[in-house]
């Protein structure tokens, strides 16, 4: 994943489970960066890639996840394989996130809870 200075996301590589969100899920190798159309209306500031899943952080502090969601690691109660980026649900739904990190079967979010919440 590459993020431009205008917040656009580009992906390349092997899109085995839709983790690159290139739209050609399978074994095809994409060797040049392709714009991720499903994120073009979201200003992305950070991306984190785990084991066959991807998370991106928007300028507004929302986290979007997609791809192979076994073990609940996508955080939005959808089918295990969700190729469409969707925002996290639950406790972080209304709290701005400032940083993300991904591992084998988890996603970490550093949140900044505004005063008075």
PDB file of N, CA and C in Angstrom:
ATOM      1  N   UNK A   1       0.842  -1.175   0.000  1.00  0.00           N
ATOM      2  CA  UNK A   1       0.000   0.000   0.000  1.00  0.00           C
ATOM      3  C   UNK A   1       0.885   1.236   0.000  1.00  0.00           C
ATOM      4  N   UNK A   2       0.460   2.187  -0.793  1.00  0.00           N
ATOM      5  CA  UNK A   2       1.090   3.503  -0.830  1.00  0.00           C
ATOM      6  C   UNK A   2       0.004   4.539  -0.600  1.00  0.00           C
ATOM      7  N   UNK A   3       0.345   5.602   0.115  1.00  0.00           N
ATOM      8  CA  UNK A   3      -0.604   6.685   0.359  1.00  0.00           C
ATOM      9  C   UNK A   3       0.003   7.968  -0.195  1.00  0.00           C
ATOM     10  N   UNK A   4      -0.752   8.643  -1.047  1.00  0.00           N
ATOM     11  CA  UNK A   4      -0.267   9.894  -1.633  1.00  0.00           C
ATOM     12  C   UNK A   4      -0.450  11.040  -0.638  1.00  0.00           C
ATOM     13  N   UNK A   5       0.164  12.178  -0.927  1.00  0.00           N
ATOM     14  CA  UNK A   5       0.013  13.337  -0.047  1.00  0.00           C
ATOM     15  C   UNK A   5      -1.405  13.901  -0.071  1.00  0.00           C
ATOM     16  N   UNK A   6      -2.217  13.469  -1.027  1.00  0.00           N
ATOM     17  CA  UNK A   6      -3.627  13.877  -1.070  1.00  0.00           C
ATOM     18  C   UNK A   6      -4.552  12.826  -0.457  1.00  0.00           C
ATOM     19  N   UNK A   7      -3.975  11.819   0.232  1.00  0.00           N
ATOM     20  CA  UNK A   7      -4.770  10.824   0.941  1.00  0.00           C
ATOM     21  C   UNK A   7      -5.303   9.689   0.100  1.00  0.00           C
ATOM     22  N   UNK A   8      -4.876   9.585  -1.152  1.00  0.00           N
ATOM     23  CA  UNK A   8      -5.315   8.489  -2.023  1.00  0.00           C
ATOM     24  C   UNK A   8      -4.465   7.250  -1.748  1.00  0.00           C
ATOM     25  N   UNK A   9      -5.092   6.078  -1.818  1.00  0.00           N
ATOM     26  CA  UNK A   9      -4.411   4.817  -1.526  1.00  0.00           C
ATOM     27  C   UNK A   9      -4.186   4.045  -2.819  1.00  0.00           C
ATOM     28  N   UNK A  10      -2.985   3.531  -2.962  1.00  0.00           N
ATOM     29  CA  UNK A  10      -2.607   2.712  -4.113  1.00  0.00           C
ATOM     30  C   UNK A  10      -2.116   1.373  -3.585  1.00  0.00           C
ATOM     31  N   UNK A  11      -2.485   0.302  -4.287  1.00  0.00           N
ATOM     32  CA  UNK A  11      -2.108  -1.042  -3.850  1.00  0.00           C
ATOM     33  C   UNK A  11      -1.470  -1.810  -4.993  1.00  0.00           C
ATOM     34  N   UNK A  12      -0.636  -2.766  -4.618  1.00  0.00           N
ATOM     35  CA  UNK A  12      -0.031  -3.677  -5.588  1.00  0.00           C
ATOM     36  C   UNK A  12       0.447  -4.902  -4.837  1.00  0.00           C
ATOM     37  N   UNK A  13       0.800  -5.931  -5.581  1.00  0.00           N
ATOM     38  CA  UNK A  13       1.231  -7.189  -4.975  1.00  0.00           C
ATOM     39  C   UNK A  13       0.250  -8.296  -5.286  1.00  0.00           C
ATOM     40  N   UNK A  14       0.261  -9.338  -4.472  1.00  0.00           N
ATOM     41  CA  UNK A  14      -0.636 -10.477  -4.645  1.00  0.00           C
ATOM     42  C   UNK A  14      -1.891 -10.245  -3.816  1.00  0.00           C
ATOM     43  N   UNK A  15      -3.027 -10.251  -4.457  1.00  0.00           N
ATOM     44  CA  UNK A  15      -4.306  -9.932  -3.823  1.00  0.00           C
ATOM     45  C   UNK A  15      -5.056 -11.211  -3.455  1.00  0.00           C
ATOM     46  N   UNK A  16      -4.436 -12.063  -2.664  1.00  0.00           N
ATOM     47  CA  UNK A  16      -4.983 -13.393  -2.368  1.00  0.00           C
ATOM     48  C   UNK A  16      -6.384 -13.376  -1.786  1.00  0.00           C
ATOM     49  N   UNK A  17      -6.629 -12.529  -0.789  1.00  0.00           N
ATOM     50  CA  UNK A  17      -7.924 -12.495  -0.123  1.00  0.00           C
ATOM     51  C   UNK A  17      -8.558 -11.111  -0.186  1.00  0.00           C
ATOM     52  N   UNK A  18      -8.175 -10.323  -1.168  1.00  0.00           N
ATOM     53  CA  UNK A  18      -8.707  -8.970  -1.269  1.00  0.00           C
ATOM     54  C   UNK A  18      -7.995  -7.990  -0.364  1.00  0.00           C
ATOM     55  N   UNK A  19      -6.897  -8.410   0.253  1.00  0.00           N
ATOM     56  CA  UNK A  19      -6.192  -7.542   1.190  1.00  0.00           C
ATOM     57  C   UNK A  19      -5.585  -6.324   0.516  1.00  0.00           C
ATOM     58  N   UNK A  20      -5.320  -6.408  -0.775  1.00  0.00           N
ATOM     59  CA  UNK A  20      -4.810  -5.245  -1.505  1.00  0.00           C
ATOM     60  C   UNK A  20      -5.944  -4.424  -2.099  1.00  0.00           C
ATOM     61  N   UNK A  21      -7.193  -4.963  -2.068  1.00  0.00           N
ATOM     62  CA  UNK A  21      -8.386  -4.252  -2.546  1.00  0.00           C
ATOM     63  C   UNK A  21      -8.188  -3.745  -3.970  1.00  0.00           C
ATOM     64  N   UNK A  22      -7.592  -4.576  -4.810  1.00  0.00           N
ATOM     65  CA  UNK A  22      -7.368  -4.216  -6.206  1.00  0.00           C
ATOM     66  C   UNK A  22      -8.534  -4.664  -7.078  1.00  0.00           C
ATOM     67  N   UNK A  23      -9.339  -5.578  -6.577  1.00  0.00           N
ATOM     68  CA  UNK A  23     -10.491  -6.036  -7.322  1.00  0.00           C
ATOM     69  C   UNK A  23     -10.231  -7.238  -8.193  1.00  0.00           C
ATOM     70  N   UNK A  24      -9.091  -7.886  -8.013  1.00  0.00           N
ATOM     71  CA  UNK A  24      -8.775  -9.084  -8.795  1.00  0.00           C
ATOM     72  C   UNK A  24      -8.377 -10.211  -7.861  1.00  0.00           C
ATOM     73  N   UNK A  25      -9.134 -10.362  -6.789  1.00  0.00           N
ATOM     74  CA  UNK A  25      -8.827 -11.365  -5.781  1.00  0.00           C
ATOM     75  C   UNK A  25      -8.444 -12.692  -6.424  1.00  0.00           C
ATOM     76  N   UNK A  26      -7.371 -13.271  -5.970  1.00  0.00           N
ATOM     77  CA  UNK A  26      -6.873 -14.531  -6.496  1.00  0.00           C
ATOM     78  C   UNK A  26      -5.368 -14.533  -6.510  1.00  0.00           C
ATOM     79  N   UNK A  27      -4.805 -15.270  -7.423  1.00  0.00           N
ATOM     80  CA  UNK A  27      -3.356 -15.442  -7.410  1.00  0.00           C
ATOM     81  C   UNK A  27      -2.612 -14.499  -8.347  1.00  0.00           C
ATOM     82  N   UNK A  28      -3.311 -13.599  -9.018  1.00  0.00           N
ATOM     83  CA  UNK A  28      -2.638 -12.696  -9.952  1.00  0.00           C
ATOM     84  C   UNK A  28      -1.762 -11.690  -9.202  1.00  0.00           C
ATOM     85  N   UNK A  29      -0.562 -11.475  -9.724  1.00  0.00           N
ATOM     86  CA  UNK A  29       0.365 -10.515  -9.150  1.00  0.00           C
ATOM     87  C   UNK A  29       0.233  -9.188  -9.893  1.00  0.00           C
ATOM     88  N   UNK A  30       0.028  -8.122  -9.163  1.00  0.00           N
ATOM     89  CA  UNK A  30      -0.066  -6.783  -9.735  1.00  0.00           C
ATOM     90  C   UNK A  30       1.239  -6.070  -9.408  1.00  0.00           C
ATOM     91  N   UNK A  31       1.988  -5.706 -10.435  1.00  0.00           N
ATOM     92  CA  UNK A  31       3.335  -5.178 -10.218  1.00  0.00           C
ATOM     93  C   UNK A  31       3.431  -3.659 -10.255  1.00  0.00           C
ATOM     94  N   UNK A  32       2.347  -2.985 -10.609  1.00  0.00           N
ATOM     95  CA  UNK A  32       2.351  -1.520 -10.580  1.00  0.00           C
ATOM     96  C   UNK A  32       1.224  -1.031  -9.676  1.00  0.00           C
ATOM     97  N   UNK A  33       1.442   0.037  -8.924  1.00  0.00           N
ATOM     98  CA  UNK A  33       0.408   0.539  -8.013  1.00  0.00           C
ATOM     99  C   UNK A  33      -0.887   0.889  -8.745  1.00  0.00           C
ATOM    100  N   UNK A  34      -2.011   0.456  -8.157  1.00  0.00           N
ATOM    101  CA  UNK A  34      -3.351   0.712  -8.694  1.00  0.00           C
ATOM    102  C   UNK A  34      -4.149   1.489  -7.651  1.00  0.00           C
ATOM    103  N   UNK A  35      -4.874   2.522  -8.090  1.00  0.00           N
ATOM    104  CA  UNK A  35      -5.711   3.293  -7.178  1.00  0.00           C
ATOM    105  C   UNK A  35      -6.784   2.395  -6.575  1.00  0.00           C
ATOM    106  N   UNK A  36      -6.980   2.482  -5.267  1.00  0.00           N
ATOM    107  CA  UNK A  36      -8.033   1.726  -4.590  1.00  0.00           C
ATOM    108  C   UNK A  36      -9.306   2.568  -4.671  1.00  0.00           C
ATOM    109  N   UNK A  37     -10.165   2.240  -5.634  1.00  0.00           N
ATOM    110  CA  UNK A  37     -11.371   3.029  -5.901  1.00  0.00           C
ATOM    111  C   UNK A  37     -12.301   3.128  -4.699  1.00  0.00           C
ATOM    112  N   UNK A  38     -12.412   2.061  -3.919  1.00  0.00           N
ATOM    113  CA  UNK A  38     -13.353   2.060  -2.799  1.00  0.00           C
ATOM    114  C   UNK A  38     -12.931   2.999  -1.671  1.00  0.00           C
ATOM    115  N   UNK A  39     -11.698   3.510  -1.718  1.00  0.00           N
ATOM    116  CA  UNK A  39     -11.226   4.448  -0.697  1.00  0.00           C
ATOM    117  C   UNK A  39     -11.022   5.860  -1.251  1.00  0.00           C
ATOM    118  N   UNK A  40     -11.420   6.101  -2.489  1.00  0.00           N
ATOM    119  CA  UNK A  40     -11.097   7.387  -3.118  1.00  0.00           C
ATOM    120  C   UNK A  40     -11.804   8.575  -2.481  1.00  0.00           C
ATOM    121  N   UNK A  41     -12.894   8.362  -1.749  1.00  0.00           N
ATOM    122  CA  UNK A  41     -13.598   9.457  -1.084  1.00  0.00           C
ATOM    123  C   UNK A  41     -13.222   9.599   0.386  1.00  0.00           C
ATOM    124  N   UNK A  42     -12.197   8.869   0.813  1.00  0.00           N
ATOM    125  CA  UNK A  42     -11.719   8.911   2.192  1.00  0.00           C
ATOM    126  C   UNK A  42     -10.271   9.392   2.169  1.00  0.00           C
ATOM    127  N   UNK A  43      -9.956  10.443   2.919  1.00  0.00           N
ATOM    128  CA  UNK A  43      -8.583  10.938   2.996  1.00  0.00           C
ATOM    129  C   UNK A  43      -7.842  10.045   3.990  1.00  0.00           C
ATOM    130  N   UNK A  44      -6.985   9.174   3.487  1.00  0.00           N
ATOM    131  CA  UNK A  44      -6.274   8.194   4.313  1.00  0.00           C
ATOM    132  C   UNK A  44      -4.917   8.757   4.731  1.00  0.00           C
ATOM    133  N   UNK A  45      -4.578   8.574   6.016  1.00  0.00           N
ATOM    134  CA  UNK A  45      -3.297   9.059   6.535  1.00  0.00           C
ATOM    135  C   UNK A  45      -2.358   7.936   6.950  1.00  0.00           C
ATOM    136  N   UNK A  46      -2.898   6.721   7.137  1.00  0.00           N
ATOM    137  CA  UNK A  46      -2.053   5.593   7.539  1.00  0.00           C
ATOM    138  C   UNK A  46      -2.698   4.288   7.093  1.00  0.00           C
ATOM    139  N   UNK A  47      -1.867   3.302   6.790  1.00  0.00           N
ATOM    140  CA  UNK A  47      -2.335   1.950   6.472  1.00  0.00           C
ATOM    141  C   UNK A  47      -1.552   0.955   7.319  1.00  0.00           C
ATOM    142  N   UNK A  48      -2.207  -0.127   7.696  1.00  0.00           N
ATOM    143  CA  UNK A  48      -1.559  -1.214   8.430  1.00  0.00           C
ATOM    144  C   UNK A  48      -2.006  -2.519   7.788  1.00  0.00           C
ATOM    145  N   UNK A  49      -1.054  -3.390   7.527  1.00  0.00           N
ATOM    146  CA  UNK A  49      -1.357  -4.644   6.845  1.00  0.00           C
ATOM    147  C   UNK A  49      -1.023  -5.802   7.765  1.00  0.00           C
ATOM    148  N   UNK A  50      -2.039  -6.644   8.015  1.00  0.00           N
ATOM    149  CA  UNK A  50      -1.856  -7.826   8.839  1.00  0.00           C
ATOM    150  C   UNK A  50      -1.798  -9.070   7.963  1.00  0.00           C
ATOM    151  N   UNK A  51      -2.126 -10.201   8.543  1.00  0.00           N
ATOM    152  CA  UNK A  51      -2.118 -11.479   7.829  1.00  0.00           C
ATOM    153  C   UNK A  51      -3.379 -11.571   6.977  1.00  0.00           C
ATOM    154  N   UNK A  52      -3.277 -11.227   5.701  1.00  0.00           N
ATOM    155  CA  UNK A  52      -4.377 -11.246   4.735  1.00  0.00           C
ATOM    156  C   UNK A  52      -5.510 -10.282   5.068  1.00  0.00           C
ATOM    157  N   UNK A  53      -5.209  -9.184   5.735  1.00  0.00           N
ATOM    158  CA  UNK A  53      -6.208  -8.132   5.921  1.00  0.00           C
ATOM    159  C   UNK A  53      -5.503  -6.785   5.980  1.00  0.00           C
ATOM    160  N   UNK A  54      -6.272  -5.736   5.718  1.00  0.00           N
ATOM    161  CA  UNK A  54      -5.724  -4.388   5.692  1.00  0.00           C
ATOM    162  C   UNK A  54      -6.625  -3.454   6.493  1.00  0.00           C
ATOM    163  N   UNK A  55      -6.007  -2.481   7.150  1.00  0.00           N
ATOM    164  CA  UNK A  55      -6.729  -1.424   7.851  1.00  0.00           C
ATOM    165  C   UNK A  55      -6.159  -0.091   7.398  1.00  0.00           C
ATOM    166  N   UNK A  56      -7.024   0.898   7.262  1.00  0.00           N
ATOM    167  CA  UNK A  56      -6.575   2.249   6.945  1.00  0.00           C
ATOM    168  C   UNK A  56      -7.203   3.216   7.940  1.00  0.00           C
ATOM    169  N   UNK A  57      -6.494   4.298   8.200  1.00  0.00           N
ATOM    170  CA  UNK A  57      -6.938   5.331   9.129  1.00  0.00           C
ATOM    171  C   UNK A  57      -7.212   6.606   8.347  1.00  0.00           C
ATOM    172  N   UNK A  58      -8.401   7.168   8.551  1.00  0.00           N
ATOM    173  CA  UNK A  58      -8.760   8.405   7.847  1.00  0.00           C
ATOM    174  C   UNK A  58      -8.279   9.625   8.625  1.00  0.00           C
ATOM    175  N   UNK A  59      -8.229  10.743   7.952  1.00  0.00           N
ATOM    176  CA  UNK A  59      -7.838  12.017   8.571  1.00  0.00           C
ATOM    177  C   UNK A  59      -8.775  12.366   9.728  1.00  0.00           C
ATOM    178  N   UNK A  60     -10.020  11.912   9.657  1.00  0.00           N
ATOM    179  CA  UNK A  60     -11.005  12.188  10.708  1.00  0.00           C
ATOM    180  C   UNK A  60     -10.906  11.239  11.891  1.00  0.00           C
ATOM    181  N   UNK A  61     -10.008  10.260  11.831  1.00  0.00           N
ATOM    182  CA  UNK A  61      -9.832   9.333  12.942  1.00  0.00           C
ATOM    183  C   UNK A  61     -10.680   8.079  12.867  1.00  0.00           C
ATOM    184  N   UNK A  62     -11.263   7.795  11.710  1.00  0.00           N
ATOM    185  CA  UNK A  62     -12.040   6.558  11.524  1.00  0.00           C
ATOM    186  C   UNK A  62     -11.129   5.477  10.971  1.00  0.00           C
ATOM    187  N   UNK A  63     -11.356   4.247  11.395  1.00  0.00           N
ATOM    188  CA  UNK A  63     -10.581   3.103  10.916  1.00  0.00           C
ATOM    189  C   UNK A  63     -11.479   2.258  10.024  1.00  0.00           C
ATOM    190  N   UNK A  64     -10.972   1.914   8.851  1.00  0.00           N
ATOM    191  CA  UNK A  64     -11.677   1.066   7.892  1.00  0.00           C
ATOM    192  C   UNK A  64     -10.852  -0.196   7.685  1.00  0.00           C
ATOM    193  N   UNK A  65     -11.524  -1.352   7.680  1.00  0.00           N
ATOM    194  CA  UNK A  65     -10.830  -2.625   7.483  1.00  0.00           C
ATOM    195  C   UNK A  65     -11.485  -3.404   6.353  1.00  0.00           C
ATOM    196  N   UNK A  66     -10.694  -4.311   5.759  1.00  0.00           N
ATOM    197  CA  UNK A  66     -11.227  -5.161   4.694  1.00  0.00           C
ATOM    198  C   UNK A  66     -10.328  -6.353   4.466  1.00  0.00           C
ATOM    199  N   UNK A  67     -10.891  -7.366   3.849  1.00  0.00           N
ATOM    200  CA  UNK A  67     -10.252  -8.594   3.392  1.00  0.00           C
ATOM    201  C   UNK A  67     -10.655  -9.788   4.233  1.00  0.00           C
ATOM    202  N   UNK A  68      -9.692 -10.641   4.584  1.00  0.00           N
ATOM    203  CA  UNK A  68      -9.972 -11.904   5.262  1.00  0.00           C
ATOM    204  C   UNK A  68     -10.169 -11.643   6.743  1.00  0.00           C
ATOM    205  N   UNK A  69     -11.419 -11.740   7.199  1.00  0.00           N
ATOM    206  CA  UNK A  69     -11.748 -11.335   8.557  1.00  0.00           C
ATOM    207  C   UNK A  69     -11.963 -12.449   9.550  1.00  0.00           C
ATOM    208  N   UNK A  70     -11.292 -13.575   9.371  1.00  0.00           N
ATOM    209  CA  UNK A  70     -11.467 -14.639  10.359  1.00  0.00           C
ATOM    210  C   UNK A  70     -11.045 -14.139  11.735  1.00  0.00           C
ATOM    211  N   UNK A  71     -11.541 -14.768  12.767  1.00  0.00           N
ATOM    212  CA  UNK A  71     -11.248 -14.420  14.162  1.00  0.00           C
ATOM    213  C   UNK A  71     -11.763 -13.033  14.554  1.00  0.00           C
ATOM    214  N   UNK A  72     -12.673 -12.464  13.776  1.00  0.00           N
ATOM    215  CA  UNK A  72     -13.264 -11.175  14.116  1.00  0.00           C
ATOM    216  C   UNK A  72     -12.339  -9.980  13.994  1.00  0.00           C
ATOM    217  N   UNK A  73     -11.207 -10.155  13.335  1.00  0.00           N
ATOM    218  CA  UNK A  73     -10.205  -9.080  13.321  1.00  0.00           C
ATOM    219  C   UNK A  73     -10.604  -7.856  12.503  1.00  0.00           C
ATOM    220  N   UNK A  74     -11.664  -7.940  11.680  1.00  0.00           N
ATOM    221  CA  UNK A  74     -12.087  -6.762  10.919  1.00  0.00           C
ATOM    222  C   UNK A  74     -12.895  -5.783  11.764  1.00  0.00           C
ATOM    223  N   UNK A  75     -13.536  -6.264  12.819  1.00  0.00           N
ATOM    224  CA  UNK A  75     -14.221  -5.375  13.753  1.00  0.00           C
ATOM    225  C   UNK A  75     -15.504  -4.742  13.266  1.00  0.00           C
ATOM    226  N   UNK A  76     -16.185  -5.380  12.285  1.00  0.00           N
ATOM    227  CA  UNK A  76     -17.461  -4.803  11.862  1.00  0.00           C
ATOM    228  C   UNK A  76     -18.530  -5.842  11.566  1.00  0.00           C
ATOM    229  N   UNK A  77     -18.466  -6.979  12.191  1.00  0.00           N
ATOM    230  CA  UNK A  77     -19.545  -7.974  12.184  1.00  0.00           C
ATOM    231  C   UNK A  77     -20.072  -8.317  10.801  1.00  0.00           C
ATOM    232  N   UNK A  78     -19.194  -8.496   9.831  1.00  0.00           N
ATOM    233  CA  UNK A  78     -19.614  -8.884   8.490  1.00  0.00           C
ATOM    234  C   UNK A  78     -19.109 -10.289   8.210  1.00  0.00           C
ATOM    235  N   UNK A  79     -19.354 -10.750   7.002  1.00  0.00           N
ATOM    236  CA  UNK A  79     -18.831 -12.053   6.608  1.00  0.00           C
ATOM    237  C   UNK A  79     -17.326 -12.069   6.796  1.00  0.00           C
ATOM    238  N   UNK A  80     -16.766 -13.257   7.035  1.00  0.00           N
ATOM    239  CA  UNK A  80     -15.315 -13.343   7.250  1.00  0.00           C
ATOM    240  C   UNK A  80     -14.483 -12.723   6.130  1.00  0.00           C
ATOM    241  N   UNK A  81     -14.940 -12.823   4.897  1.00  0.00           N
ATOM    242  CA  UNK A  81     -14.204 -12.207   3.794  1.00  0.00           C
ATOM    243  C   UNK A  81     -15.004 -11.023   3.278  1.00  0.00           C
ATOM    244  N   UNK A  82     -14.618  -9.832   3.669  1.00  0.00           N
ATOM    245  CA  UNK A  82     -15.321  -8.622   3.265  1.00  0.00           C
ATOM    246  C   UNK A  82     -14.363  -7.750   2.470  1.00  0.00           C
ATOM    247  N   UNK A  83     -14.569  -7.698   1.161  1.00  0.00           N
ATOM    248  CA  UNK A  83     -13.655  -6.967   0.294  1.00  0.00           C
ATOM    249  C   UNK A  83     -13.920  -5.466   0.275  1.00  0.00           C
ATOM    250  N   UNK A  84     -15.041  -5.038   0.823  1.00  0.00           N
ATOM    251  CA  UNK A  84     -15.378  -3.615   0.850  1.00  0.00           C
ATOM    252  C   UNK A  84     -14.888  -2.995   2.162  1.00  0.00           C
ATOM    253  N   UNK A  85     -14.069  -1.938   2.102  1.00  0.00           N
ATOM    254  CA  UNK A  85     -13.630  -1.283   3.342  1.00  0.00           C
ATOM    255  C   UNK A  85     -14.828  -0.763   4.129  1.00  0.00           C
ATOM    256  N   UNK A  86     -14.881  -1.131   5.405  1.00  0.00           N
ATOM    257  CA  UNK A  86     -15.979  -0.707   6.277  1.00  0.00           C
ATOM    258  C   UNK A  86     -15.397  -0.175   7.584  1.00  0.00           C
ATOM    259  N   UNK A  87     -16.080   0.808   8.200  1.00  0.00           N
ATOM    260  CA  UNK A  87     -15.573   1.357   9.458  1.00  0.00           C
ATOM    261  C   UNK A  87     -15.737   0.379  10.616  1.00  0.00           C
ATOM    262  N   UNK A  88     -14.855   0.508  11.602  1.00  0.00           N
ATOM    263  CA  UNK A  88     -14.971  -0.296  12.813  1.00  0.00           C
ATOM    264  C   UNK A  88     -16.269   0.039  13.529  1.00  0.00           C
ATOM    265  N   UNK A  89     -16.812  -0.944  14.224  1.00  0.00           N
ATOM    266  CA  UNK A  89     -18.001  -0.755  15.047  1.00  0.00           C
ATOM    267  C   UNK A  89     -17.611  -0.938  16.512  1.00  0.00           C
ATOM    268  N   UNK A  90     -18.520  -0.632  17.404  1.00  0.00           N
ATOM    269  CA  UNK A  90     -18.271  -0.863  18.822  1.00  0.00           C
ATOM    270  C   UNK A  90     -17.715   0.358  19.527  1.00  0.00           C
ATOM    271  N   UNK A  91     -16.889   0.117  20.541  1.00  0.00           N
ATOM    272  CA  UNK A  91     -16.395   1.185  21.407  1.00  0.00           C
ATOM    273  C   UNK A  91     -15.626   2.277  20.671  1.00  0.00           C
ATOM    274  N   UNK A  92     -14.949   1.950  19.590  1.00  0.00           N
ATOM    275  CA  UNK A  92     -14.166   2.954  18.861  1.00  0.00           C
ATOM    276  C   UNK A  92     -14.960   3.668  17.771  1.00  0.00           C
ATOM    277  N   UNK A  93     -16.228   3.357  17.689  1.00  0.00           N
ATOM    278  CA  UNK A  93     -17.056   3.930  16.630  1.00  0.00           C
ATOM    279  C   UNK A  93     -17.140   5.455  16.704  1.00  0.00           C
ATOM    280  N   UNK A  94     -17.110   6.006  17.921  1.00  0.00           N
ATOM    281  CA  UNK A  94     -17.278   7.452  18.088  1.00  0.00           C
ATOM    282  C   UNK A  94     -16.084   8.109  18.775  1.00  0.00           C
ATOM    283  N   UNK A  95     -14.967   7.410  18.861  1.00  0.00           N
ATOM    284  CA  UNK A  95     -13.756   7.957  19.467  1.00  0.00           C
ATOM    285  C   UNK A  95     -12.688   8.057  18.384  1.00  0.00           C
ATOM    286  N   UNK A  96     -12.087   9.229  18.197  1.00  0.00           N
ATOM    287  CA  UNK A  96     -11.061   9.374  17.159  1.00  0.00           C
ATOM    288  C   UNK A  96      -9.833   8.504  17.429  1.00  0.00           C
ATOM    289  N   UNK A  97      -9.380   7.832  16.402  1.00  0.00           N
ATOM    290  CA  UNK A  97      -8.165   7.017  16.473  1.00  0.00           C
ATOM    291  C   UNK A  97      -7.037   7.839  15.857  1.00  0.00           C
ATOM    292  N   UNK A  98      -5.843   7.773  16.463  1.00  0.00           N
ATOM    293  CA  UNK A  98      -4.719   8.564  15.963  1.00  0.00           C
ATOM    294  C   UNK A  98      -3.617   7.711  15.344  1.00  0.00           C
ATOM    295  N   UNK A  99      -3.624   6.404  15.630  1.00  0.00           N
ATOM    296  CA  UNK A  99      -2.602   5.531  15.049  1.00  0.00           C
ATOM    297  C   UNK A  99      -3.109   4.092  15.055  1.00  0.00           C
ATOM    298  N   UNK A 100      -2.684   3.305  14.043  1.00  0.00           N
ATOM    299  CA  UNK A 100      -3.064   1.896  13.967  1.00  0.00           C
ATOM    300  C   UNK A 100      -1.829   1.035  13.718  1.00  0.00           C
ATOM    301  N   UNK A 101      -1.938  -0.229  14.128  1.00  0.00           N
ATOM    302  CA  UNK A 101      -0.904  -1.231  13.856  1.00  0.00           C
ATOM    303  C   UNK A 101      -1.608  -2.570  13.712  1.00  0.00           C
ATOM    304  N   UNK A 102      -1.095  -3.419  12.834  1.00  0.00           N
ATOM    305  CA  UNK A 102      -1.718  -4.724  12.600  1.00  0.00           C
ATOM    306  C   UNK A 102      -0.690  -5.826  12.794  1.00  0.00           C
ATOM    307  N   UNK A 103      -1.186  -6.980  13.218  1.00  0.00           N
ATOM    308  CA  UNK A 103      -0.343  -8.156  13.369  1.00  0.00           C
ATOM    309  C   UNK A 103      -1.000  -9.350  12.711  1.00  0.00           C
ATOM    310  N   UNK A 104      -0.618 -10.530  13.138  1.00  0.00           N
ATOM    311  CA  UNK A 104      -1.099 -11.752  12.505  1.00  0.00           C
ATOM    312  C   UNK A 104      -2.622 -11.842  12.539  1.00  0.00           C
ATOM    313  N   UNK A 105      -3.231 -11.771  13.687  1.00  0.00           N
ATOM    314  CA  UNK A 105      -4.695 -11.874  13.814  1.00  0.00           C
ATOM    315  C   UNK A 105      -5.259 -10.779  14.704  1.00  0.00           C
ATOM    316  N   UNK A 106      -4.694  -9.579  14.610  1.00  0.00           N
ATOM    317  CA  UNK A 106      -5.211  -8.504  15.451  1.00  0.00           C
ATOM    318  C   UNK A 106      -4.958  -7.146  14.814  1.00  0.00           C
ATOM    319  N   UNK A 107      -5.697  -6.172  15.304  1.00  0.00           N
ATOM    320  CA  UNK A 107      -5.526  -4.779  14.914  1.00  0.00           C
ATOM    321  C   UNK A 107      -5.486  -3.965  16.199  1.00  0.00           C
ATOM    322  N   UNK A 108      -4.478  -3.118  16.344  1.00  0.00           N
ATOM    323  CA  UNK A 108      -4.369  -2.228  17.499  1.00  0.00           C
ATOM    324  C   UNK A 108      -4.696  -0.812  17.061  1.00  0.00           C
ATOM    325  N   UNK A 109      -5.448  -0.109  17.895  1.00  0.00           N
ATOM    326  CA  UNK A 109      -5.803   1.276  17.602  1.00  0.00           C
ATOM    327  C   UNK A 109      -5.460   2.132  18.811  1.00  0.00           C
ATOM    328  N   UNK A 110      -4.730   3.203  18.590  1.00  0.00           N
ATOM    329  CA  UNK A 110      -4.441   4.180  19.630  1.00  0.00           C
ATOM    330  C   UNK A 110      -5.477   5.278  19.489  1.00  0.00           C
ATOM    331  N   UNK A 111      -6.324   5.406  20.504  1.00  0.00           N
ATOM    332  CA  UNK A 111      -7.430   6.357  20.435  1.00  0.00           C
ATOM    333  C   UNK A 111      -7.170   7.543  21.347  1.00  0.00           C
ATOM    334  N   UNK A 112      -7.782   8.649  21.002  1.00  0.00           N
ATOM    335  CA  UNK A 112      -7.664   9.881  21.772  1.00  0.00           C
ATOM    336  C   UNK A 112      -9.071  10.305  22.153  1.00  0.00           C
ATOM    337  N   UNK A 113      -9.447  10.021  23.389  1.00  0.00           N
ATOM    338  CA  UNK A 113     -10.801  10.342  23.809  1.00  0.00           C
ATOM    339  C   UNK A 113     -10.890  11.820  24.175  1.00  0.00           C
ATOM    340  N   UNK A 114     -11.752  12.572  23.488  1.00  0.00           N
ATOM    341  CA  UNK A 114     -11.898  14.001  23.787  1.00  0.00           C
ATOM    342  C   UNK A 114     -12.385  14.230  25.212  1.00  0.00           C
ATOM    343  N   UNK A 115     -12.049  15.371  25.782  1.00  0.00           N
ATOM    344  CA  UNK A 115     -12.495  15.724  27.135  1.00  0.00           C
ATOM    345  C   UNK A 115     -14.010  15.734  27.204  1.00  0.00           C
ATOM    346  N   UNK A 116     -14.536  15.305  28.336  1.00  0.00           N
ATOM    347  CA  UNK A 116     -15.971  15.329  28.548  1.00  0.00           C
ATOM    348  C   UNK A 116     -16.712  14.116  28.040  1.00  0.00           C
ATOM    349  N   UNK A 117     -16.008  13.130  27.524  1.00  0.00           N
ATOM    350  CA  UNK A 117     -16.701  11.929  27.034  1.00  0.00           C
ATOM    351  C   UNK A 117     -16.711  10.868  28.102  1.00  0.00           C
TER     352      UNK A 117
END
